PDB file of N, CA and C in Angstrom:
ATOM      1  N   MET A   1       0.853  -1.363  -0.033  1.00  0.00           N
ATOM      2  CA  MET A   1       0.066  -0.080  -0.069  1.00  0.00           C
ATOM      3  C   MET A   1       0.640   1.206  -0.002  1.00  0.00           C
ATOM      4  N   PRO A   2       0.548   2.060  -1.037  1.00  0.00           N
ATOM      5  CA  PRO A   2       1.570   3.302  -1.017  1.00  0.00           C
ATOM      6  C   PRO A   2       1.392   4.328   0.270  1.00  0.00           C
ATOM      7  N   ALA A   3       2.365   5.021   0.710  1.00  0.00           N
ATOM      8  CA  ALA A   3       2.171   5.888   1.414  1.00  0.00           C
ATOM      9  C   ALA A   3       1.188   7.005   1.535  1.00  0.00           C
ATOM     10  N   ALA A   4       0.645   7.530   2.480  1.00  0.00           N
ATOM     11  CA  ALA A   4      -0.245   8.650   2.031  1.00  0.00           C
ATOM     12  C   ALA A   4       0.526   9.992   1.510  1.00  0.00           C
ATOM     13  N   THR A   5      -0.182  10.513   0.717  1.00  0.00           N
ATOM     14  CA  THR A   5       0.353  12.005   0.171  1.00  0.00           C
ATOM     15  C   THR A   5       0.758  12.921   1.205  1.00  0.00           C
ATOM     16  N   PRO A   6       1.486  13.995   0.905  1.00  0.00           N
ATOM     17  CA  PRO A   6       1.942  14.927   1.953  1.00  0.00           C
ATOM     18  C   PRO A   6       0.359  15.750   2.294  1.00  0.00           C
ATOM     19  N   LEU A   7      -0.457  16.001   1.259  1.00  0.00           N
ATOM     20  CA  LEU A   7      -1.608  16.449   1.756  1.00  0.00           C
ATOM     21  C   LEU A   7      -2.609  15.630   2.416  1.00  0.00           C
ATOM     22  N   GLU A   8      -2.491  14.391   2.075  1.00  0.00           N
ATOM     23  CA  GLU A   8      -3.497  13.575   3.219  1.00  0.00           C
ATOM     24  C   GLU A   8      -2.844  13.458   4.454  1.00  0.00           C
ATOM     25  N   VAL A   9      -1.614  13.673   4.671  1.00  0.00           N
ATOM     26  CA  VAL A   9      -1.112  13.465   6.149  1.00  0.00           C
ATOM     27  C   VAL A   9      -1.350  14.698   6.813  1.00  0.00           C
ATOM     28  N   ILE A  10      -1.255  15.999   6.221  1.00  0.00           N
ATOM     29  CA  ILE A  10      -1.490  17.060   6.618  1.00  0.00           C
ATOM     30  C   ILE A  10      -3.243  17.307   7.103  1.00  0.00           C
ATOM     31  N   GLN A  11      -3.650  16.739   6.252  1.00  0.00           N
ATOM     32  CA  GLN A  11      -5.123  16.880   6.651  1.00  0.00           C
ATOM     33  C   GLN A  11      -5.620  16.249   7.620  1.00  0.00           C
ATOM     34  N   ALA A  12      -4.971  15.016   7.772  1.00  0.00           N
ATOM     35  CA  ALA A  12      -5.155  13.944   8.868  1.00  0.00           C
ATOM     36  C   ALA A  12      -4.880  14.583  10.174  1.00  0.00           C
ATOM     37  N   GLN A  13      -3.624  15.239  10.149  1.00  0.00           N
ATOM     38  CA  GLN A  13      -3.129  15.683  11.572  1.00  0.00           C
ATOM     39  C   GLN A  13      -4.011  16.829  11.817  1.00  0.00           C
ATOM     40  N   LEU A  14      -4.493  17.814  10.846  1.00  0.00           N
ATOM     41  CA  LEU A  14      -5.311  18.963  11.196  1.00  0.00           C
ATOM     42  C   LEU A  14      -6.737  18.427  12.105  1.00  0.00           C
ATOM     43  N   ALA A  15      -7.190  17.256  11.322  1.00  0.00           N
ATOM     44  CA  ALA A  15      -8.271  16.815  11.823  1.00  0.00           C
ATOM     45  C   ALA A  15      -8.147  16.206  13.208  1.00  0.00           C
ATOM     46  N   ALA A  16      -7.149  15.410  13.575  1.00  0.00           N
ATOM     47  CA  ALA A  16      -6.812  14.893  14.839  1.00  0.00           C
ATOM     48  C   ALA A  16      -6.581  15.885  15.746  1.00  0.00           C
ATOM     49  N   TYR A  17      -5.994  16.946  15.432  1.00  0.00           N
ATOM     50  CA  TYR A  17      -5.953  18.126  16.383  1.00  0.00           C
ATOM     51  C   TYR A  17      -7.080  18.993  16.740  1.00  0.00           C
ATOM     52  N   ASN A  18      -8.128  19.165  15.852  1.00  0.00           N
ATOM     53  CA  ASN A  18      -9.250  19.556  16.203  1.00  0.00           C
ATOM     54  C   ASN A  18     -10.162  18.490  16.951  1.00  0.00           C
ATOM     55  N   ALA A  19     -10.039  17.294  16.742  1.00  0.00           N
ATOM     56  CA  ALA A  19     -10.425  16.583  17.774  1.00  0.00           C
ATOM     57  C   ALA A  19      -9.956  15.893  18.912  1.00  0.00           C
ATOM     58  N   LYS A  20      -8.730  16.690  19.161  1.00  0.00           N
ATOM     59  CA  LYS A  20      -7.925  16.673  20.425  1.00  0.00           C
ATOM     60  C   LYS A  20      -7.596  14.877  20.547  1.00  0.00           C
ATOM     61  N   ASP A  21      -7.480  14.299  19.401  1.00  0.00           N
ATOM     62  CA  ASP A  21      -7.151  13.089  19.477  1.00  0.00           C
ATOM     63  C   ASP A  21      -5.549  12.960  19.481  1.00  0.00           C
ATOM     64  N   ILE A  22      -4.944  12.789  20.729  1.00  0.00           N
ATOM     65  CA  ILE A  22      -3.484  12.614  20.765  1.00  0.00           C
ATOM     66  C   ILE A  22      -2.883  11.606  19.883  1.00  0.00           C
ATOM     67  N   ASP A  23      -3.524  10.159  20.141  1.00  0.00           N
ATOM     68  CA  ASP A  23      -2.767   9.087  19.257  1.00  0.00           C
ATOM     69  C   ASP A  23      -2.900   9.234  17.794  1.00  0.00           C
ATOM     70  N   ALA A  24      -3.950   9.574  17.252  1.00  0.00           N
ATOM     71  CA  ALA A  24      -4.008   9.959  15.870  1.00  0.00           C
ATOM     72  C   ALA A  24      -3.259  10.976  15.289  1.00  0.00           C
ATOM     73  N   LEU A  25      -3.006  12.080  16.126  1.00  0.00           N
ATOM     74  CA  LEU A  25      -2.215  13.053  15.768  1.00  0.00           C
ATOM     75  C   LEU A  25      -0.687  12.772  15.560  1.00  0.00           C
ATOM     76  N   LEU A  26      -0.339  11.974  16.819  1.00  0.00           N
ATOM     77  CA  LEU A  26       1.068  11.541  16.848  1.00  0.00           C
ATOM     78  C   LEU A  26       1.179  10.569  15.818  1.00  0.00           C
ATOM     79  N   ALA A  27       0.297   9.822  15.238  1.00  0.00           N
ATOM     80  CA  ALA A  27       0.438   8.789  14.349  1.00  0.00           C
ATOM     81  C   ALA A  27       0.692   9.325  12.657  1.00  0.00           C
ATOM     82  N   THR A  28       0.463  10.765  12.852  1.00  0.00           N
ATOM     83  CA  THR A  28       0.840  11.537  11.670  1.00  0.00           C
ATOM     84  C   THR A  28       2.431  12.073  11.406  1.00  0.00           C
ATOM     85  N   TYR A  29       3.166  11.875  12.429  1.00  0.00           N
ATOM     86  CA  TYR A  29       4.392  12.342  12.945  1.00  0.00           C
ATOM     87  C   TYR A  29       5.407  11.174  13.137  1.00  0.00           C
ATOM     88  N   ALA A  30       6.618  11.319  12.416  1.00  0.00           N
ATOM     89  CA  ALA A  30       7.783  10.281  12.373  1.00  0.00           C
ATOM     90  C   ALA A  30       8.003  10.225  14.135  1.00  0.00           C
ATOM     91  N   ALA A  31       8.330   9.120  14.360  1.00  0.00           N
ATOM     92  CA  ALA A  31       8.755   8.821  15.818  1.00  0.00           C
ATOM     93  C   ALA A  31       9.983   9.901  16.319  1.00  0.00           C
ATOM     94  N   ASP A  32      10.732  10.272  15.341  1.00  0.00           N
ATOM     95  CA  ASP A  32      12.019  11.599  15.885  1.00  0.00           C
ATOM     96  C   ASP A  32      11.604  12.657  15.018  1.00  0.00           C
ATOM     97  N   ALA A  33      10.427  13.128  14.820  1.00  0.00           N
ATOM     98  CA  ALA A  33       9.868  14.350  14.180  1.00  0.00           C
ATOM     99  C   ALA A  33      10.560  15.458  15.306  1.00  0.00           C
ATOM    100  N   GLU A  34      10.694  16.689  14.183  1.00  0.00           N
ATOM    101  CA  GLU A  34      10.869  18.057  15.070  1.00  0.00           C
ATOM    102  C   GLU A  34      10.025  18.879  14.881  1.00  0.00           C
ATOM    103  N   GLN A  35       9.749  19.948  16.092  1.00  0.00           N
ATOM    104  CA  GLN A  35       8.980  21.232  15.656  1.00  0.00           C
ATOM    105  C   GLN A  35       9.864  22.093  16.293  1.00  0.00           C
ATOM    106  N   PHE A  36       9.805  23.336  15.431  1.00  0.00           N
ATOM    107  CA  PHE A  36      10.669  24.499  15.640  1.00  0.00           C
ATOM    108  C   PHE A  36       9.630  25.575  15.562  1.00  0.00           C
ATOM    109  N   THR A  37      10.220  26.980  16.121  1.00  0.00           N
ATOM    110  CA  THR A  37       9.724  28.126  15.770  1.00  0.00           C
ATOM    111  C   THR A  37      10.486  28.320  14.502  1.00  0.00           C
ATOM    112  N   LEU A  38       9.668  29.197  13.586  1.00  0.00           N
ATOM    113  CA  LEU A  38      10.426  29.335  12.284  1.00  0.00           C
ATOM    114  C   LEU A  38      11.705  30.060  12.218  1.00  0.00           C
ATOM    115  N   HIS A  39      12.763  29.643  11.682  1.00  0.00           N
ATOM    116  CA  HIS A  39      14.212  29.850  11.792  1.00  0.00           C
ATOM    117  C   HIS A  39      14.588  30.030  13.188  1.00  0.00           C
ATOM    118  N   GLY A  40      14.050  29.290  14.209  1.00  0.00           N
ATOM    119  CA  GLY A  40      14.288  29.726  15.463  1.00  0.00           C
ATOM    120  C   GLY A  40      14.575  28.250  16.390  1.00  0.00           C
ATOM    121  N   GLU A  41      14.303  28.445  17.459  1.00  0.00           N
ATOM    122  CA  GLU A  41      14.697  27.240  18.744  1.00  0.00           C
ATOM    123  C   GLU A  41      13.526  26.185  18.237  1.00  0.00           C
ATOM    124  N   GLN A  42      14.313  24.945  18.847  1.00  0.00           N
ATOM    125  CA  GLN A  42      13.502  23.776  18.703  1.00  0.00           C
ATOM    126  C   GLN A  42      12.691  23.685  19.970  1.00  0.00           C
ATOM    127  N   LEU A  43      11.288  23.526  19.476  1.00  0.00           N
ATOM    128  CA  LEU A  43      10.055  23.197  20.589  1.00  0.00           C
ATOM    129  C   LEU A  43      10.016  21.871  21.159  1.00  0.00           C
ATOM    130  N   ALA A  44      10.137  20.927  20.174  1.00  0.00           N
ATOM    131  CA  ALA A  44       9.965  19.598  20.602  1.00  0.00           C
ATOM    132  C   ALA A  44      10.676  18.520  19.719  1.00  0.00           C
ATOM    133  N   LYS A  45      10.997  17.388  20.039  1.00  0.00           N
ATOM    134  CA  LYS A  45      11.670  16.354  19.405  1.00  0.00           C
ATOM    135  C   LYS A  45      11.416  15.053  19.972  1.00  0.00           C
ATOM    136  N   GLY A  46      10.472  14.183  18.893  1.00  0.00           N
ATOM    137  CA  GLY A  46       9.920  12.925  19.218  1.00  0.00           C
ATOM    138  C   GLY A  46       8.638  13.079  19.609  1.00  0.00           C
ATOM    139  N   HIS A  47       8.028  11.789  19.849  1.00  0.00           N
ATOM    140  CA  HIS A  47       6.605  11.815  20.285  1.00  0.00           C
ATOM    141  C   HIS A  47       6.364  12.109  21.594  1.00  0.00           C
ATOM    142  N   GLU A  48       7.239  11.845  22.671  1.00  0.00           N
ATOM    143  CA  GLU A  48       7.008  12.159  24.154  1.00  0.00           C
ATOM    144  C   GLU A  48       7.032  13.668  24.283  1.00  0.00           C
ATOM    145  N   ASP A  49       7.742  14.238  23.737  1.00  0.00           N
ATOM    146  CA  ASP A  49       7.938  15.827  23.663  1.00  0.00           C
ATOM    147  C   ASP A  49       6.775  16.521  23.000  1.00  0.00           C
ATOM    148  N   MET A  50       6.332  15.862  21.759  1.00  0.00           N
ATOM    149  CA  MET A  50       5.043  16.469  21.360  1.00  0.00           C
ATOM    150  C   MET A  50       3.791  16.183  22.012  1.00  0.00           C
ATOM    151  N   ARG A  51       3.801  14.893  22.719  1.00  0.00           N
ATOM    152  CA  ARG A  51       2.751  14.546  23.480  1.00  0.00           C
ATOM    153  C   ARG A  51       2.508  15.627  24.488  1.00  0.00           C
ATOM    154  N   VAL A  52       3.382  15.936  25.247  1.00  0.00           N
ATOM    155  CA  VAL A  52       3.322  16.872  26.125  1.00  0.00           C
ATOM    156  C   VAL A  52       2.739  18.200  25.702  1.00  0.00           C
ATOM    157  N   ARG A  53       3.452  18.640  24.766  1.00  0.00           N
ATOM    158  CA  ARG A  53       2.916  20.218  24.339  1.00  0.00           C
ATOM    159  C   ARG A  53       1.594  19.927  23.858  1.00  0.00           C
ATOM    160  N   PHE A  54       1.173  18.772  23.021  1.00  0.00           N
ATOM    161  CA  PHE A  54      -0.322  18.925  22.488  1.00  0.00           C
ATOM    162  C   PHE A  54      -1.338  18.537  23.536  1.00  0.00           C
ATOM    163  N   LEU A  55      -0.858  17.691  24.514  1.00  0.00           N
ATOM    164  CA  LEU A  55      -1.781  17.565  25.630  1.00  0.00           C
ATOM    165  C   LEU A  55      -2.162  18.887  26.362  1.00  0.00           C
ATOM    166  N   THR A  56      -1.098  19.590  26.869  1.00  0.00           N
ATOM    167  CA  THR A  56      -1.148  20.993  27.269  1.00  0.00           C
ATOM    168  C   THR A  56      -2.162  21.849  26.578  1.00  0.00           C
ATOM    169  N   ARG A  57      -1.880  21.952  25.321  1.00  0.00           N
ATOM    170  CA  ARG A  57      -2.968  22.725  24.524  1.00  0.00           C
ATOM    171  C   ARG A  57      -4.136  22.051  24.528  1.00  0.00           C
ATOM    172  N   PHE A  58      -4.389  20.940  24.159  1.00  0.00           N
ATOM    173  CA  PHE A  58      -5.620  20.178  24.325  1.00  0.00           C
ATOM    174  C   PHE A  58      -6.547  20.404  25.514  1.00  0.00           C
ATOM    175  N   ALA A  59      -5.852  20.916  26.561  1.00  0.00           N
ATOM    176  CA  ALA A  59      -6.697  21.266  27.814  1.00  0.00           C
ATOM    177  C   ALA A  59      -7.560  22.540  27.658  1.00  0.00           C
ATOM    178  N   GLU A  60      -7.220  23.272  26.744  1.00  0.00           N
ATOM    179  CA  GLU A  60      -7.921  24.389  26.339  1.00  0.00           C
ATOM    180  C   GLU A  60      -9.263  24.135  25.829  1.00  0.00           C
ATOM    181  N   PRO A  61     -10.504  24.250  26.483  1.00  0.00           N
ATOM    182  CA  PRO A  61     -11.946  24.114  25.842  1.00  0.00           C
ATOM    183  C   PRO A  61     -12.182  24.397  24.477  1.00  0.00           C
ATOM    184  N   ASP A  62     -11.695  25.486  24.014  1.00  0.00           N
ATOM    185  CA  ASP A  62     -12.235  26.176  22.894  1.00  0.00           C
ATOM    186  C   ASP A  62     -11.164  26.199  21.636  1.00  0.00           C
ATOM    187  N   LEU A  63     -10.141  25.369  22.031  1.00  0.00           N
ATOM    188  CA  LEU A  63      -9.118  25.094  21.024  1.00  0.00           C
ATOM    189  C   LEU A  63      -9.520  24.676  19.740  1.00  0.00           C
ATOM    190  N   HIS A  64      -9.345  25.398  18.721  1.00  0.00           N
ATOM    191  CA  HIS A  64      -9.751  24.915  17.332  1.00  0.00           C
ATOM    192  C   HIS A  64      -8.642  25.616  16.165  1.00  0.00           C
ATOM    193  N   ALA A  65      -8.380  24.954  14.976  1.00  0.00           N
ATOM    194  CA  ALA A  65      -7.657  25.537  14.269  1.00  0.00           C
ATOM    195  C   ALA A  65      -8.580  25.591  12.757  1.00  0.00           C
ATOM    196  N   ARG A  66      -8.624  26.652  12.345  1.00  0.00           N
ATOM    197  CA  ARG A  66      -9.471  27.006  10.966  1.00  0.00           C
ATOM    198  C   ARG A  66      -8.521  27.167   9.841  1.00  0.00           C
ATOM    199  N   LEU A  67      -8.398  26.504   8.861  1.00  0.00           N
ATOM    200  CA  LEU A  67      -7.692  26.327   7.770  1.00  0.00           C
ATOM    201  C   LEU A  67      -7.929  27.580   7.089  1.00  0.00           C
ATOM    202  N   LEU A  68      -7.035  28.613   6.788  1.00  0.00           N
ATOM    203  CA  LEU A  68      -7.354  29.725   5.843  1.00  0.00           C
ATOM    204  C   LEU A  68      -6.941  29.535   4.556  1.00  0.00           C
ATOM    205  N   SER A  69      -5.683  28.920   4.334  1.00  0.00           N
ATOM    206  CA  SER A  69      -5.151  28.630   3.198  1.00  0.00           C
ATOM    207  C   SER A  69      -4.066  27.616   3.309  1.00  0.00           C
ATOM    208  N   ARG A  70      -4.005  26.824   2.205  1.00  0.00           N
ATOM    209  CA  ARG A  70      -2.908  25.678   2.162  1.00  0.00           C
ATOM    210  C   ARG A  70      -2.188  25.792   0.767  1.00  0.00           C
ATOM    211  N   THR A  71      -0.902  25.455   0.705  1.00  0.00           N
ATOM    212  CA  THR A  71       0.005  25.362  -0.372  1.00  0.00           C
ATOM    213  C   THR A  71       0.537  24.024  -0.400  1.00  0.00           C
ATOM    214  N   VAL A  72       0.477  23.413  -1.347  1.00  0.00           N
ATOM    215  CA  VAL A  72       1.433  22.100  -1.318  1.00  0.00           C
ATOM    216  C   VAL A  72       2.451  22.104  -2.594  1.00  0.00           C
ATOM    217  N   MET A  73       3.777  21.933  -2.204  1.00  0.00           N
ATOM    218  CA  MET A  73       4.785  21.751  -3.295  1.00  0.00           C
ATOM    219  C   MET A  73       5.691  20.754  -2.960  1.00  0.00           C
ATOM    220  N   GLY A  74       5.528  19.638  -3.736  1.00  0.00           N
ATOM    221  CA  GLY A  74       6.243  18.418  -3.477  1.00  0.00           C
ATOM    222  C   GLY A  74       6.026  17.797  -1.975  1.00  0.00           C
ATOM    223  N   ASN A  75       6.872  17.639  -1.231  1.00  0.00           N
ATOM    224  CA  ASN A  75       6.699  17.170   0.003  1.00  0.00           C
ATOM    225  C   ASN A  75       6.671  18.116   1.263  1.00  0.00           C
ATOM    226  N   VAL A  76       6.392  19.304   0.794  1.00  0.00           N
ATOM    227  CA  VAL A  76       6.101  20.486   1.668  1.00  0.00           C
ATOM    228  C   VAL A  76       4.663  21.183   1.673  1.00  0.00           C
ATOM    229  N   VAL A  77       4.219  21.197   2.771  1.00  0.00           N
ATOM    230  CA  VAL A  77       2.794  21.629   3.089  1.00  0.00           C
ATOM    231  C   VAL A  77       2.654  22.862   3.955  1.00  0.00           C
ATOM    232  N   VAL A  78       2.272  24.112   3.435  1.00  0.00           N
ATOM    233  CA  VAL A  78       2.203  25.255   4.144  1.00  0.00           C
ATOM    234  C   VAL A  78       0.732  25.664   4.448  1.00  0.00           C
ATOM    235  N   ASP A  79       0.477  25.767   5.692  1.00  0.00           N
ATOM    236  CA  ASP A  79      -0.912  26.067   6.228  1.00  0.00           C
ATOM    237  C   ASP A  79      -0.810  27.334   6.861  1.00  0.00           C
ATOM    238  N   LEU A  80      -1.736  28.010   6.560  1.00  0.00           N
ATOM    239  CA  LEU A  80      -2.166  29.404   7.376  1.00  0.00           C
ATOM    240  C   LEU A  80      -3.468  29.070   8.122  1.00  0.00           C
ATOM    241  N   GLU A  81      -3.370  29.069   9.246  1.00  0.00           N
ATOM    242  CA  GLU A  81      -4.405  28.634   9.991  1.00  0.00           C
ATOM    243  C   GLU A  81      -4.804  29.880  11.374  1.00  0.00           C
ATOM    244  N   LEU A  82      -5.996  29.856  11.477  1.00  0.00           N
ATOM    245  CA  LEU A  82      -6.469  30.907  12.482  1.00  0.00           C
ATOM    246  C   LEU A  82      -6.854  29.957  13.855  1.00  0.00           C
ATOM    247  N   ILE A  83      -6.252  30.002  14.716  1.00  0.00           N
ATOM    248  CA  ILE A  83      -6.176  29.000  16.085  1.00  0.00           C
ATOM    249  C   ILE A  83      -7.163  29.928  17.113  1.00  0.00           C
ATOM    250  N   THR A  84      -7.931  29.302  17.482  1.00  0.00           N
ATOM    251  CA  THR A  84      -8.873  29.861  18.517  1.00  0.00           C
ATOM    252  C   THR A  84      -8.312  29.279  20.011  1.00  0.00           C
ATOM    253  N   ARG A  85      -7.811  30.092  20.859  1.00  0.00           N
ATOM    254  CA  ARG A  85      -7.145  29.609  22.091  1.00  0.00           C
ATOM    255  C   ARG A  85      -7.691  30.166  23.103  1.00  0.00           C
ATOM    256  N   ASN A  86      -7.642  29.432  24.379  1.00  0.00           N
ATOM    257  CA  ASN A  86      -7.968  30.107  25.580  1.00  0.00           C
ATOM    258  C   ASN A  86      -6.785  30.591  26.447  1.00  0.00           C
ATOM    259  N   PHE A  87      -6.374  31.880  26.201  1.00  0.00           N
ATOM    260  CA  PHE A  87      -5.046  32.523  26.955  1.00  0.00           C
ATOM    261  C   PHE A  87      -5.503  32.834  28.314  1.00  0.00           C
ATOM    262  N   PRO A  88      -4.398  32.950  28.958  1.00  0.00           N
ATOM    263  CA  PRO A  88      -4.718  33.425  30.698  1.00  0.00           C
ATOM    264  C   PRO A  88      -5.785  34.559  30.528  1.00  0.00           C
ATOM    265  N   GLU A  89      -5.497  35.487  29.478  1.00  0.00           N
ATOM    266  CA  GLU A  89      -6.235  36.753  29.574  1.00  0.00           C
ATOM    267  C   GLU A  89      -7.696  36.415  29.074  1.00  0.00           C
ATOM    268  N   GLY A  90      -7.907  35.636  28.680  1.00  0.00           N
ATOM    269  CA  GLY A  90      -9.350  35.056  28.027  1.00  0.00           C
ATOM    270  C   GLY A  90      -9.101  34.508  26.613  1.00  0.00           C
ATOM    271  N   MET A  91     -10.351  34.207  25.951  1.00  0.00           N
ATOM    272  CA  MET A  91     -10.392  33.515  24.714  1.00  0.00           C
ATOM    273  C   MET A  91     -10.076  34.535  23.656  1.00  0.00           C
ATOM    274  N   GLY A  92      -9.448  34.020  22.703  1.00  0.00           N
ATOM    275  CA  GLY A  92      -8.941  34.782  21.606  1.00  0.00           C
ATOM    276  C   GLY A  92      -8.302  34.033  20.377  1.00  0.00           C
ATOM    277  N   THR A  93      -7.705  34.859  19.451  1.00  0.00           N
ATOM    278  CA  THR A  93      -7.176  33.912  18.360  1.00  0.00           C
ATOM    279  C   THR A  93      -5.697  34.472  17.938  1.00  0.00           C
ATOM    280  N   LEU A  94      -5.130  33.677  17.069  1.00  0.00           N
ATOM    281  CA  LEU A  94      -3.846  33.860  16.453  1.00  0.00           C
ATOM    282  C   LEU A  94      -3.713  33.320  15.118  1.00  0.00           C
ATOM    283  N   GLU A  95      -3.066  34.052  14.345  1.00  0.00           N
ATOM    284  CA  GLU A  95      -2.818  33.524  13.021  1.00  0.00           C
ATOM    285  C   GLU A  95      -1.395  32.571  13.290  1.00  0.00           C
ATOM    286  N   MET A  96      -1.599  31.331  12.425  1.00  0.00           N
ATOM    287  CA  MET A  96      -0.110  30.696  12.562  1.00  0.00           C
ATOM    288  C   MET A  96      -0.045  30.156  11.203  1.00  0.00           C
ATOM    289  N   LEU A  97       1.409  30.333  10.856  1.00  0.00           N
ATOM    290  CA  LEU A  97       1.811  29.542   9.530  1.00  0.00           C
ATOM    291  C   LEU A  97       2.726  28.556  10.044  1.00  0.00           C
ATOM    292  N   CYS A  98       2.220  27.376   9.340  1.00  0.00           N
ATOM    293  CA  CYS A  98       2.802  25.761   9.683  1.00  0.00           C
ATOM    294  C   CYS A  98       3.617  25.536   8.618  1.00  0.00           C
ATOM    295  N   VAL A  99       4.654  25.188   8.324  1.00  0.00           N
ATOM    296  CA  VAL A  99       5.644  24.598   7.271  1.00  0.00           C
ATOM    297  C   VAL A  99       5.814  23.094   7.597  1.00  0.00           C
ATOM    298  N   TYR A 100       5.367  22.252   7.016  1.00  0.00           N
ATOM    299  CA  TYR A 100       5.322  20.956   7.377  1.00  0.00           C
ATOM    300  C   TYR A 100       6.165  20.344   6.322  1.00  0.00           C
ATOM    301  N   GLU A 101       7.061  19.393   6.504  1.00  0.00           N
ATOM    302  CA  GLU A 101       8.005  18.514   5.758  1.00  0.00           C
ATOM    303  C   GLU A 101       7.410  17.090   5.893  1.00  0.00           C
ATOM    304  N   VAL A 102       7.102  16.344   4.745  1.00  0.00           N
ATOM    305  CA  VAL A 102       6.833  15.279   4.919  1.00  0.00           C
ATOM    306  C   VAL A 102       7.639  14.254   4.179  1.00  0.00           C
ATOM    307  N   ALA A 103       7.914  12.973   4.741  1.00  0.00           N
ATOM    308  CA  ALA A 103       8.504  11.988   3.897  1.00  0.00           C
ATOM    309  C   ALA A 103       8.133  10.693   4.458  1.00  0.00           C
ATOM    310  N   ASP A 104       8.096   9.590   3.539  1.00  0.00           N
ATOM    311  CA  ASP A 104       7.426   8.336   3.730  1.00  0.00           C
ATOM    312  C   ASP A 104       6.096   8.321   4.476  1.00  0.00           C
ATOM    313  N   GLY A 105       5.327   9.146   4.247  1.00  0.00           N
ATOM    314  CA  GLY A 105       4.125   9.364   4.742  1.00  0.00           C
ATOM    315  C   GLY A 105       3.763   9.973   6.186  1.00  0.00           C
ATOM    316  N   LEU A 106       5.012  10.560   6.640  1.00  0.00           N
ATOM    317  CA  LEU A 106       4.588  11.180   7.887  1.00  0.00           C
ATOM    318  C   LEU A 106       5.506  12.357   8.044  1.00  0.00           C
ATOM    319  N   ILE A 107       5.075  13.289   9.058  1.00  0.00           N
ATOM    320  CA  ILE A 107       5.619  14.732   8.997  1.00  0.00           C
ATOM    321  C   ILE A 107       7.095  14.362   9.931  1.00  0.00           C
ATOM    322  N   GLN A 108       7.978  14.931   9.071  1.00  0.00           N
ATOM    323  CA  GLN A 108       9.391  14.889   9.707  1.00  0.00           C
ATOM    324  C   GLN A 108       9.771  15.937  10.371  1.00  0.00           C
ATOM    325  N   LYS A 109       9.506  17.110  10.005  1.00  0.00           N
ATOM    326  CA  LYS A 109       9.771  18.441  10.704  1.00  0.00           C
ATOM    327  C   LYS A 109       8.690  19.574  10.234  1.00  0.00           C
ATOM    328  N   VAL A 110       8.432  20.373  11.297  1.00  0.00           N
ATOM    329  CA  VAL A 110       7.315  21.394  11.222  1.00  0.00           C
ATOM    330  C   VAL A 110       8.096  22.739  11.679  1.00  0.00           C
ATOM    331  N   SER A 111       7.634  23.709  11.181  1.00  0.00           N
ATOM    332  CA  SER A 111       8.261  24.952  11.636  1.00  0.00           C
ATOM    333  C   SER A 111       6.881  26.061  11.849  1.00  0.00           C
ATOM    334  N   PHE A 112       6.681  26.741  12.833  1.00  0.00           N
ATOM    335  CA  PHE A 112       5.668  27.543  13.075  1.00  0.00           C
ATOM    336  C   PHE A 112       6.214  28.870  13.360  1.00  0.00           C
ATOM    337  N   ALA A 113       5.234  29.871  12.602  1.00  0.00           N
ATOM    338  CA  ALA A 113       5.343  31.325  12.801  1.00  0.00           C
ATOM    339  C   ALA A 113       4.168  31.880  13.227  1.00  0.00           C
ATOM    340  N   MET A 114       4.029  32.536  14.443  1.00  0.00           N
ATOM    341  CA  MET A 114       2.918  32.882  15.216  1.00  0.00           C
ATOM    342  C   MET A 114       2.650  34.427  14.921  1.00  0.00           C
ATOM    343  N   GLY A 115       1.355  34.732  14.592  1.00  0.00           N
ATOM    344  CA  GLY A 115       0.989  36.101  14.377  1.00  0.00           C
ATOM    345  C   GLY A 115       0.624  36.860  15.559  1.00  0.00           C
ATOM    346  N   GLU A 116      -0.031  37.843  15.497  1.00  0.00           N
ATOM    347  CA  GLU A 116      -0.438  38.754  16.606  1.00  0.00           C
ATOM    348  C   GLU A 116      -1.563  37.963  17.427  1.00  0.00           C
ATOM    349  N   LYS A 117      -1.531  38.131  18.619  1.00  0.00           N
ATOM    350  CA  LYS A 117      -2.641  37.514  19.600  1.00  0.00           C
ATOM    351  C   LYS A 117      -3.790  38.401  19.581  1.00  0.00           C
ATOM    352  N   ARG A 118      -5.015  38.047  19.281  1.00  0.00           N
ATOM    353  CA  ARG A 118      -6.164  38.929  19.391  1.00  0.00           C
ATOM    354  C   ARG A 118      -7.204  38.269  20.395  1.00  0.00           C
ATOM    355  N   LEU A 119      -7.390  39.221  21.570  1.00  0.00           N
ATOM    356  CA  LEU A 119      -8.331  38.785  22.329  1.00  0.00           C
ATOM    357  C   LEU A 119      -9.681  39.214  22.038  1.00  0.00           C
ATOM    358  N   GLY A 120     -10.924  38.410  22.666  1.00  0.00           N
ATOM    359  CA  GLY A 120     -12.209  38.528  22.256  1.00  0.00           C
ATOM    360  C   GLY A 120     -12.917  37.587  21.331  1.00  0.00           C
TER     361      GLY A 120
END
């Protein structure tokens, strides 16, 4: 059976994120996948690091990622999302640019650029 396309992998990841299904989410990532800020620090490496990060986020009752645009070029998928979050100051949104690199049907690396936080 052929590996899922990069588009299918990223769509499955987004669906699992919005369902707050940690096992389905981690199943879209390679065991040694890495997460970074765009051009910056490493946020997580491997499933255990990612599990902690995602479960912390999943505790937010209003968490939701709405896809605004998606570009696919070969094994790279770039999503622009509007994330609804429960910030300490209250509910709000922020734009996030997610640059995914997919190989062998799994996310190998992702970098995030975060936009301005808006409350309300």
